[in-house]
Amino acid sequence: MRGRPGRRNFVAYQINNAMRRSITRGLSLLTGLGLVFIGVRFLLAPRVGAEGFGVFLPSGSSYAFHYAKGIRDVFSGLLMVVFVGRGYDRALGWVMLLGTLIPSVDVAVVLAQPTATLALELPHLIAIGLCLGLGISFLTAPAAAADFSVRQPQALAGQAS
């Protein structure tokens, strides 16, 4: 016999899953950090944030909406960063998948503006694709090998024999 080809396939499968998980986590981390940046920009420079979003307001407008959007983005971004850091892949998958609603509504808001252009719509469309892709990737990824291990609580470990 020349070895066990099944074992080689299993190792390649594990490497592919680890690479997929790393890429998905990395893109999620970058997305979260990007959202924190966008949110902080809305909080500190609301007019610049609005123009980057795709909405142009007349001068003297109230910035109440901008502050609400800014804190929403900061919260969403920090949630992603914390979930990536803690390794909460399934929870992050649901956050990303359900979070697709946010850029979907955002692009609808931009489309309703008389100044709507593809350049202003594109970031929201990319966000929709990212959220859907990352959410599906997290939710369809098999659990890591370490997730299958069972540990006994320390108090019971000494009593087991």
N, C-alpha and C. Protein backbone atom coordinates (compact mmCIF):
# COMPACT_ATOMS: atom_id res chain seq x y z
N MET A 1 0.83 -1.19 0.00
CA MET A 1 0.00 0.00 0.00
C MET A 1 0.87 1.24 0.00
N ARG A 2 0.40 2.25 -0.68
CA ARG A 2 1.19 3.45 -0.82
C ARG A 2 0.76 4.55 0.15
N GLY A 3 0.05 4.28 1.13
CA GLY A 3 -0.40 5.33 2.05
C GLY A 3 -1.90 5.44 2.04
N ARG A 4 -2.35 6.39 2.74
CA ARG A 4 -3.79 6.58 2.85
C ARG A 4 -4.19 7.87 2.15
N PRO A 5 -4.70 7.76 0.93
CA PRO A 5 -5.07 8.98 0.20
C PRO A 5 -6.18 9.74 0.92
N GLY A 6 -7.01 9.05 1.66
CA GLY A 6 -8.07 9.73 2.39
C GLY A 6 -7.51 10.72 3.41
N ARG A 7 -6.41 10.36 4.05
CA ARG A 7 -5.77 11.23 5.03
C ARG A 7 -5.25 12.50 4.36
N ARG A 8 -4.66 12.35 3.19
CA ARG A 8 -4.14 13.51 2.47
C ARG A 8 -5.29 14.46 2.12
N ASN A 9 -6.41 13.93 1.66
CA ASN A 9 -7.56 14.75 1.33
C ASN A 9 -8.10 15.45 2.57
N PHE A 10 -8.09 14.75 3.71
CA PHE A 10 -8.57 15.35 4.96
C PHE A 10 -7.69 16.53 5.36
N VAL A 11 -6.39 16.38 5.22
CA VAL A 11 -5.47 17.47 5.57
C VAL A 11 -5.69 18.66 4.64
N ALA A 12 -5.83 18.40 3.35
CA ALA A 12 -6.08 19.50 2.40
C ALA A 12 -7.41 20.18 2.74
N TYR A 13 -8.41 19.41 3.12
CA TYR A 13 -9.72 19.95 3.50
C TYR A 13 -9.58 20.85 4.71
N GLN A 14 -8.80 20.43 5.71
CA GLN A 14 -8.60 21.23 6.91
C GLN A 14 -7.84 22.52 6.59
N ILE A 15 -6.85 22.43 5.71
CA ILE A 15 -6.09 23.62 5.32
C ILE A 15 -7.00 24.60 4.59
N ASN A 16 -7.82 24.10 3.67
CA ASN A 16 -8.75 24.96 2.94
C ASN A 16 -9.73 25.63 3.90
N ASN A 17 -10.24 24.89 4.88
CA ASN A 17 -11.16 25.47 5.84
C ASN A 17 -10.47 26.53 6.69
N ALA A 18 -9.23 26.27 7.10
CA ALA A 18 -8.50 27.24 7.91
C ALA A 18 -8.23 28.51 7.09
N MET A 19 -7.88 28.35 5.81
CA MET A 19 -7.62 29.50 4.96
C MET A 19 -8.91 30.29 4.75
N ARG A 20 -10.00 29.58 4.50
CA ARG A 20 -11.31 30.23 4.31
C ARG A 20 -11.69 31.02 5.55
N ARG A 21 -11.49 30.41 6.72
CA ARG A 21 -11.84 31.07 7.98
C ARG A 21 -10.96 32.31 8.17
N SER A 22 -9.67 32.22 7.87
CA SER A 22 -8.76 33.36 8.03
C SER A 22 -9.14 34.51 7.10
N ILE A 23 -9.43 34.19 5.86
CA ILE A 23 -9.80 35.23 4.89
C ILE A 23 -11.12 35.88 5.30
N THR A 24 -12.08 35.06 5.70
CA THR A 24 -13.39 35.59 6.09
C THR A 24 -13.26 36.47 7.33
N ARG A 25 -12.49 36.02 8.30
CA ARG A 25 -12.28 36.84 9.50
C ARG A 25 -11.53 38.12 9.17
N GLY A 26 -10.52 38.04 8.31
CA GLY A 26 -9.76 39.23 7.94
C GLY A 26 -10.61 40.26 7.23
N LEU A 27 -11.44 39.81 6.29
CA LEU A 27 -12.33 40.74 5.59
C LEU A 27 -13.36 41.33 6.55
N SER A 28 -13.83 40.53 7.49
CA SER A 28 -14.78 41.03 8.48
C SER A 28 -14.14 42.06 9.40
N LEU A 29 -12.89 41.82 9.76
CA LEU A 29 -12.17 42.79 10.60
C LEU A 29 -11.99 44.11 9.85
N LEU A 30 -11.58 44.04 8.59
CA LEU A 30 -11.42 45.26 7.79
C LEU A 30 -12.76 45.99 7.61
N THR A 31 -13.83 45.22 7.41
CA THR A 31 -15.16 45.82 7.28
C THR A 31 -15.55 46.52 8.57
N GLY A 32 -15.31 45.87 9.70
CA GLY A 32 -15.64 46.48 10.99
C GLY A 32 -14.84 47.75 11.24
N LEU A 33 -13.54 47.71 10.96
CA LEU A 33 -12.71 48.90 11.15
C LEU A 33 -13.14 50.02 10.20
N GLY A 34 -13.52 49.65 8.99
CA GLY A 34 -14.02 50.64 8.04
C GLY A 34 -15.29 51.30 8.52
N LEU A 35 -16.17 50.51 9.11
CA LEU A 35 -17.41 51.07 9.65
C LEU A 35 -17.14 52.02 10.82
N VAL A 36 -16.18 51.66 11.66
CA VAL A 36 -15.82 52.55 12.77
C VAL A 36 -15.31 53.88 12.19
N PHE A 37 -14.47 53.83 11.18
CA PHE A 37 -13.97 55.05 10.54
C PHE A 37 -15.11 55.89 9.98
N ILE A 38 -16.02 55.25 9.25
CA ILE A 38 -17.15 55.97 8.65
C ILE A 38 -18.02 56.59 9.74
N GLY A 39 -18.27 55.85 10.81
CA GLY A 39 -19.08 56.37 11.90
C GLY A 39 -18.44 57.56 12.59
N VAL A 40 -17.14 57.46 12.86
CA VAL A 40 -16.43 58.57 13.49
C VAL A 40 -16.44 59.79 12.57
N ARG A 41 -16.31 59.57 11.28
CA ARG A 41 -16.36 60.69 10.33
C ARG A 41 -17.73 61.37 10.37
N PHE A 42 -18.80 60.59 10.47
CA PHE A 42 -20.14 61.18 10.59
C PHE A 42 -20.29 61.96 11.89
N LEU A 43 -19.67 61.49 12.96
CA LEU A 43 -19.78 62.19 14.24
C LEU A 43 -18.95 63.47 14.27
N LEU A 44 -17.76 63.43 13.69
CA LEU A 44 -16.85 64.58 13.77
C LEU A 44 -17.00 65.57 12.62
N ALA A 45 -17.36 65.08 11.45
CA ALA A 45 -17.51 65.94 10.26
C ALA A 45 -18.78 65.50 9.52
N PRO A 46 -19.95 65.85 10.05
CA PRO A 46 -21.21 65.34 9.48
C PRO A 46 -21.42 65.67 8.00
N ARG A 47 -21.05 66.86 7.59
CA ARG A 47 -21.27 67.23 6.19
C ARG A 47 -20.39 66.38 5.26
N VAL A 48 -19.15 66.19 5.62
CA VAL A 48 -18.23 65.36 4.82
C VAL A 48 -18.76 63.91 4.79
N GLY A 49 -19.22 63.43 5.95
CA GLY A 49 -19.78 62.08 6.01
C GLY A 49 -20.99 61.93 5.11
N ALA A 50 -21.87 62.94 5.12
CA ALA A 50 -23.08 62.88 4.29
C ALA A 50 -22.74 62.87 2.81
N GLU A 51 -21.78 63.68 2.42
CA GLU A 51 -21.40 63.72 1.01
C GLU A 51 -20.74 62.40 0.59
N GLY A 52 -19.95 61.81 1.48
CA GLY A 52 -19.37 60.50 1.18
C GLY A 52 -20.43 59.41 1.10
N PHE A 53 -21.49 59.58 1.86
CA PHE A 53 -22.60 58.62 1.86
C PHE A 53 -23.40 58.71 0.57
N GLY A 54 -23.48 59.95 0.03
CA GLY A 54 -24.24 60.15 -1.21
C GLY A 54 -25.43 61.08 -1.05
N VAL A 55 -25.47 61.81 0.07
CA VAL A 55 -26.56 62.74 0.34
C VAL A 55 -25.96 64.12 0.50
N PHE A 56 -26.46 65.07 -0.28
CA PHE A 56 -25.96 66.44 -0.22
C PHE A 56 -27.04 67.32 0.38
N LEU A 57 -26.72 67.97 1.50
CA LEU A 57 -27.69 68.79 2.22
C LEU A 57 -27.41 70.27 2.02
N PRO A 58 -28.47 71.07 2.07
CA PRO A 58 -28.24 72.52 2.01
C PRO A 58 -27.54 72.99 3.28
N SER A 59 -26.81 74.08 3.19
CA SER A 59 -26.09 74.58 4.37
C SER A 59 -27.09 74.99 5.44
N GLY A 60 -26.68 74.84 6.69
CA GLY A 60 -27.54 75.19 7.81
C GLY A 60 -28.47 74.06 8.22
N SER A 61 -28.34 72.89 7.61
CA SER A 61 -29.20 71.76 7.95
C SER A 61 -28.83 71.19 9.31
N SER A 62 -29.80 70.57 9.95
CA SER A 62 -29.56 69.90 11.22
C SER A 62 -28.77 68.60 10.96
N TYR A 63 -27.90 68.27 11.89
CA TYR A 63 -27.08 67.07 11.74
C TYR A 63 -27.55 65.92 12.63
N ALA A 64 -28.77 65.97 13.12
CA ALA A 64 -29.28 64.93 14.02
C ALA A 64 -29.20 63.55 13.36
N PHE A 65 -29.61 63.45 12.10
CA PHE A 65 -29.56 62.18 11.39
C PHE A 65 -28.13 61.68 11.28
N HIS A 66 -27.21 62.58 11.05
CA HIS A 66 -25.82 62.21 10.86
C HIS A 66 -25.23 61.61 12.13
N TYR A 67 -25.58 62.20 13.27
CA TYR A 67 -25.08 61.67 14.53
C TYR A 67 -25.66 60.28 14.80
N ALA A 68 -26.94 60.10 14.48
CA ALA A 68 -27.57 58.77 14.66
C ALA A 68 -26.90 57.75 13.75
N LYS A 69 -26.63 58.14 12.51
CA LYS A 69 -25.97 57.21 11.58
C LYS A 69 -24.55 56.94 12.02
N GLY A 70 -23.88 57.97 12.52
CA GLY A 70 -22.50 57.80 12.97
C GLY A 70 -22.38 56.80 14.10
N ILE A 71 -23.23 56.92 15.10
CA ILE A 71 -23.14 56.00 16.24
C ILE A 71 -23.58 54.59 15.83
N ARG A 72 -24.52 54.49 14.89
CA ARG A 72 -24.92 53.18 14.37
C ARG A 72 -23.74 52.48 13.72
N ASP A 73 -22.99 53.22 12.92
CA ASP A 73 -21.84 52.63 12.23
C ASP A 73 -20.71 52.29 13.20
N VAL A 74 -20.47 53.15 14.19
CA VAL A 74 -19.44 52.85 15.18
C VAL A 74 -19.81 51.58 15.94
N PHE A 75 -21.06 51.48 16.38
CA PHE A 75 -21.50 50.30 17.11
C PHE A 75 -21.37 49.04 16.25
N SER A 76 -21.88 49.10 15.03
CA SER A 76 -21.83 47.93 14.14
C SER A 76 -20.39 47.50 13.88
N GLY A 77 -19.51 48.47 13.64
CA GLY A 77 -18.10 48.16 13.39
C GLY A 77 -17.42 47.55 14.60
N LEU A 78 -17.66 48.12 15.78
CA LEU A 78 -17.06 47.57 17.00
C LEU A 78 -17.59 46.17 17.29
N LEU A 79 -18.87 45.94 17.02
CA LEU A 79 -19.44 44.60 17.22
C LEU A 79 -18.72 43.58 16.34
N MET A 80 -18.47 43.94 15.09
CA MET A 80 -17.75 43.04 14.19
C MET A 80 -16.33 42.80 14.67
N VAL A 81 -15.64 43.85 15.08
CA VAL A 81 -14.26 43.73 15.54
C VAL A 81 -14.20 42.81 16.77
N VAL A 82 -15.11 43.00 17.71
CA VAL A 82 -15.12 42.17 18.93
C VAL A 82 -15.44 40.72 18.57
N PHE A 83 -16.42 40.49 17.71
CA PHE A 83 -16.77 39.11 17.33
C PHE A 83 -15.62 38.43 16.61
N VAL A 84 -14.91 39.16 15.74
CA VAL A 84 -13.75 38.57 15.07
C VAL A 84 -12.68 38.24 16.11
N GLY A 85 -12.41 39.18 17.00
CA GLY A 85 -11.38 38.97 18.02
C GLY A 85 -11.69 37.82 18.96
N ARG A 86 -12.95 37.62 19.28
CA ARG A 86 -13.34 36.53 20.18
C ARG A 86 -13.55 35.21 19.44
N GLY A 87 -13.58 35.24 18.12
CA GLY A 87 -13.77 34.01 17.35
C GLY A 87 -15.22 33.55 17.30
N TYR A 88 -16.16 34.48 17.44
CA TYR A 88 -17.59 34.14 17.40
C TYR A 88 -18.06 34.09 15.95
N ASP A 89 -17.63 33.08 15.24
CA ASP A 89 -17.89 33.00 13.81
C ASP A 89 -19.38 32.89 13.48
N ARG A 90 -20.10 32.01 14.16
CA ARG A 90 -21.52 31.83 13.86
C ARG A 90 -22.30 33.11 14.15
N ALA A 91 -22.05 33.72 15.29
CA ALA A 91 -22.75 34.97 15.63
C ALA A 91 -22.40 36.07 14.62
N LEU A 92 -21.14 36.14 14.23
CA LEU A 92 -20.73 37.14 13.25
C LEU A 92 -21.38 36.86 11.90
N GLY A 93 -21.54 35.60 11.57
CA GLY A 93 -22.23 35.24 10.33
C GLY A 93 -23.66 35.78 10.31
N TRP A 94 -24.36 35.61 11.42
CA TRP A 94 -25.74 36.13 11.51
C TRP A 94 -25.76 37.64 11.49
N VAL A 95 -24.82 38.28 12.19
CA VAL A 95 -24.75 39.75 12.19
C VAL A 95 -24.53 40.25 10.77
N MET A 96 -23.61 39.62 10.05
CA MET A 96 -23.32 40.05 8.68
C MET A 96 -24.51 39.80 7.75
N LEU A 97 -25.11 38.62 7.88
CA LEU A 97 -26.23 38.29 7.00
C LEU A 97 -27.41 39.21 7.25
N LEU A 98 -27.78 39.39 8.50
CA LEU A 98 -28.90 40.28 8.83
C LEU A 98 -28.53 41.74 8.62
N GLY A 99 -27.26 42.05 8.79
CA GLY A 99 -26.78 43.42 8.58
C GLY A 99 -26.82 43.85 7.13
N THR A 100 -27.08 42.93 6.22
CA THR A 100 -27.22 43.28 4.80
C THR A 100 -28.36 44.27 4.61
N LEU A 101 -29.30 44.26 5.53
CA LEU A 101 -30.41 45.18 5.46
C LEU A 101 -29.94 46.64 5.50
N ILE A 102 -28.90 46.93 6.27
CA ILE A 102 -28.42 48.31 6.43
C ILE A 102 -27.92 48.90 5.10
N PRO A 103 -26.96 48.28 4.42
CA PRO A 103 -26.53 48.90 3.14
C PRO A 103 -27.62 48.83 2.07
N SER A 104 -28.56 47.89 2.19
CA SER A 104 -29.66 47.83 1.22
C SER A 104 -30.55 49.06 1.35
N VAL A 105 -30.86 49.45 2.58
CA VAL A 105 -31.65 50.67 2.79
C VAL A 105 -30.81 51.89 2.44
N ASP A 106 -29.52 51.85 2.77
CA ASP A 106 -28.65 52.98 2.45
C ASP A 106 -28.62 53.25 0.94
N VAL A 107 -28.51 52.22 0.14
CA VAL A 107 -28.47 52.42 -1.31
C VAL A 107 -29.82 52.93 -1.81
N ALA A 108 -30.91 52.52 -1.17
CA ALA A 108 -32.23 53.04 -1.55
C ALA A 108 -32.32 54.53 -1.25
N VAL A 109 -31.74 54.95 -0.13
CA VAL A 109 -31.72 56.38 0.22
C VAL A 109 -30.92 57.16 -0.82
N VAL A 110 -29.77 56.63 -1.20
CA VAL A 110 -28.93 57.31 -2.19
C VAL A 110 -29.65 57.37 -3.54
N LEU A 111 -30.31 56.28 -3.93
CA LEU A 111 -31.02 56.26 -5.21
C LEU A 111 -32.16 57.28 -5.25
N ALA A 112 -32.71 57.60 -4.10
CA ALA A 112 -33.81 58.56 -4.04
C ALA A 112 -33.33 60.00 -4.18
N GLN A 113 -32.04 60.23 -4.13
CA GLN A 113 -31.48 61.58 -4.24
C GLN A 113 -31.38 62.00 -5.70
N PRO A 114 -31.63 63.27 -5.97
CA PRO A 114 -31.50 63.73 -7.36
C PRO A 114 -30.05 63.70 -7.86
N THR A 115 -29.10 63.63 -6.94
CA THR A 115 -27.68 63.62 -7.32
C THR A 115 -27.11 62.20 -7.41
N ALA A 116 -27.97 61.19 -7.38
CA ALA A 116 -27.51 59.80 -7.37
C ALA A 116 -26.70 59.47 -8.62
N THR A 117 -25.54 58.87 -8.38
CA THR A 117 -24.70 58.39 -9.47
C THR A 117 -24.18 57.01 -9.08
N LEU A 118 -23.66 56.31 -10.05
CA LEU A 118 -23.11 54.98 -9.77
C LEU A 118 -21.96 55.07 -8.78
N ALA A 119 -21.16 56.12 -8.86
CA ALA A 119 -20.04 56.29 -7.93
C ALA A 119 -20.52 56.40 -6.48
N LEU A 120 -21.67 57.00 -6.27
CA LEU A 120 -22.21 57.14 -4.92
C LEU A 120 -22.94 55.86 -4.48
N GLU A 121 -23.46 55.11 -5.42
CA GLU A 121 -24.18 53.87 -5.10
C GLU A 121 -23.23 52.70 -4.88
N LEU A 122 -22.09 52.72 -5.56
CA LEU A 122 -21.16 51.60 -5.56
C LEU A 122 -20.70 51.15 -4.17
N PRO A 123 -20.32 52.06 -3.26
CA PRO A 123 -19.89 51.58 -1.94
C PRO A 123 -20.98 50.79 -1.20
N HIS A 124 -22.23 51.21 -1.38
CA HIS A 124 -23.33 50.51 -0.72
C HIS A 124 -23.57 49.14 -1.37
N LEU A 125 -23.44 49.09 -2.68
CA LEU A 125 -23.61 47.82 -3.38
C LEU A 125 -22.49 46.84 -3.01
N ILE A 126 -21.28 47.35 -2.87
CA ILE A 126 -20.16 46.51 -2.43
C ILE A 126 -20.41 46.01 -1.02
N ALA A 127 -20.93 46.88 -0.15
CA ALA A 127 -21.23 46.48 1.22
C ALA A 127 -22.28 45.38 1.26
N ILE A 128 -23.28 45.47 0.39
CA ILE A 128 -24.30 44.41 0.32
C ILE A 128 -23.63 43.09 -0.05
N GLY A 129 -22.78 43.10 -1.07
CA GLY A 129 -22.08 41.88 -1.49
C GLY A 129 -21.19 41.33 -0.40
N LEU A 130 -20.45 42.22 0.28
CA LEU A 130 -19.57 41.79 1.37
C LEU A 130 -20.36 41.15 2.51
N CYS A 131 -21.42 41.83 2.93
CA CYS A 131 -22.22 41.29 4.05
C CYS A 131 -22.83 39.93 3.69
N LEU A 132 -23.39 39.83 2.51
CA LEU A 132 -23.97 38.55 2.09
C LEU A 132 -22.91 37.46 1.99
N GLY A 133 -21.82 37.77 1.31
CA GLY A 133 -20.76 36.78 1.12
C GLY A 133 -20.13 36.33 2.42
N LEU A 134 -19.79 37.28 3.28
CA LEU A 134 -19.15 36.92 4.55
C LEU A 134 -20.13 36.20 5.47
N GLY A 135 -21.36 36.67 5.51
CA GLY A 135 -22.36 36.00 6.35
C GLY A 135 -22.57 34.56 5.93
N ILE A 136 -22.72 34.33 4.65
CA ILE A 136 -22.91 32.97 4.14
C ILE A 136 -21.66 32.12 4.39
N SER A 137 -20.49 32.71 4.20
CA SER A 137 -19.25 31.97 4.43
C SER A 137 -19.15 31.52 5.89
N PHE A 138 -19.43 32.42 6.83
CA PHE A 138 -19.37 32.05 8.24
C PHE A 138 -20.41 30.98 8.59
N LEU A 139 -21.60 31.10 8.04
CA LEU A 139 -22.67 30.18 8.43
C LEU A 139 -22.56 28.81 7.76
N THR A 140 -21.84 28.73 6.65
CA THR A 140 -21.70 27.44 5.98
C THR A 140 -20.37 26.77 6.25
N ALA A 141 -19.46 27.46 6.94
CA ALA A 141 -18.16 26.87 7.24
C ALA A 141 -18.30 25.78 8.29
N PRO A 142 -17.62 24.66 8.09
CA PRO A 142 -17.65 23.62 9.12
C PRO A 142 -16.94 24.10 10.38
N ALA A 143 -17.33 23.57 11.49
CA ALA A 143 -16.70 23.95 12.76
C ALA A 143 -15.24 23.55 12.74
N ALA A 144 -14.41 24.34 13.39
CA ALA A 144 -12.99 24.02 13.48
C ALA A 144 -12.81 22.75 14.30
N ALA A 145 -11.72 22.05 14.07
CA ALA A 145 -11.46 20.79 14.77
C ALA A 145 -11.45 21.00 16.28
N ALA A 146 -10.96 22.14 16.74
CA ALA A 146 -10.91 22.42 18.18
C ALA A 146 -12.30 22.55 18.77
N ASP A 147 -13.30 22.90 17.93
CA ASP A 147 -14.65 23.07 18.43
C ASP A 147 -15.30 21.74 18.82
N PHE A 148 -14.74 20.62 18.35
CA PHE A 148 -15.33 19.33 18.63
C PHE A 148 -14.82 18.71 19.92
N SER A 149 -13.81 19.30 20.53
CA SER A 149 -13.25 18.72 21.75
C SER A 149 -14.20 18.94 22.92
N VAL A 150 -14.20 18.00 23.84
CA VAL A 150 -15.04 18.07 25.03
C VAL A 150 -14.13 18.12 26.24
N ARG A 151 -14.35 19.08 27.08
CA ARG A 151 -13.53 19.22 28.28
C ARG A 151 -14.39 18.99 29.50
N GLN A 152 -13.81 18.34 30.50
CA GLN A 152 -14.51 18.17 31.75
C GLN A 152 -14.23 19.36 32.64
N PRO A 153 -15.22 19.80 33.41
CA PRO A 153 -14.95 20.87 34.37
C PRO A 153 -13.89 20.42 35.37
N GLN A 154 -13.07 21.32 35.85
CA GLN A 154 -11.98 20.99 36.77
C GLN A 154 -12.47 20.28 38.02
N ALA A 155 -13.61 20.67 38.55
CA ALA A 155 -14.11 20.07 39.78
C ALA A 155 -14.43 18.58 39.59
N LEU A 156 -14.85 18.20 38.40
CA LEU A 156 -15.21 16.82 38.14
C LEU A 156 -14.05 15.99 37.62
N ALA A 157 -13.02 16.63 37.13
CA ALA A 157 -11.89 15.91 36.51
C ALA A 157 -11.21 14.98 37.49
N GLY A 158 -11.07 15.38 38.75
CA GLY A 158 -10.42 14.54 39.74
C GLY A 158 -11.26 13.35 40.16
N GLN A 159 -12.58 13.44 40.03
CA GLN A 159 -13.47 12.38 40.45
C GLN A 159 -13.65 11.32 39.38
N ALA A 160 -13.39 11.64 38.12
CA ALA A 160 -13.57 10.67 37.04
C ALA A 160 -12.47 9.62 37.11
N SER A 161 -12.87 8.37 36.98
CA SER A 161 -11.87 7.31 36.93
C SER A 161 -12.32 6.17 36.06
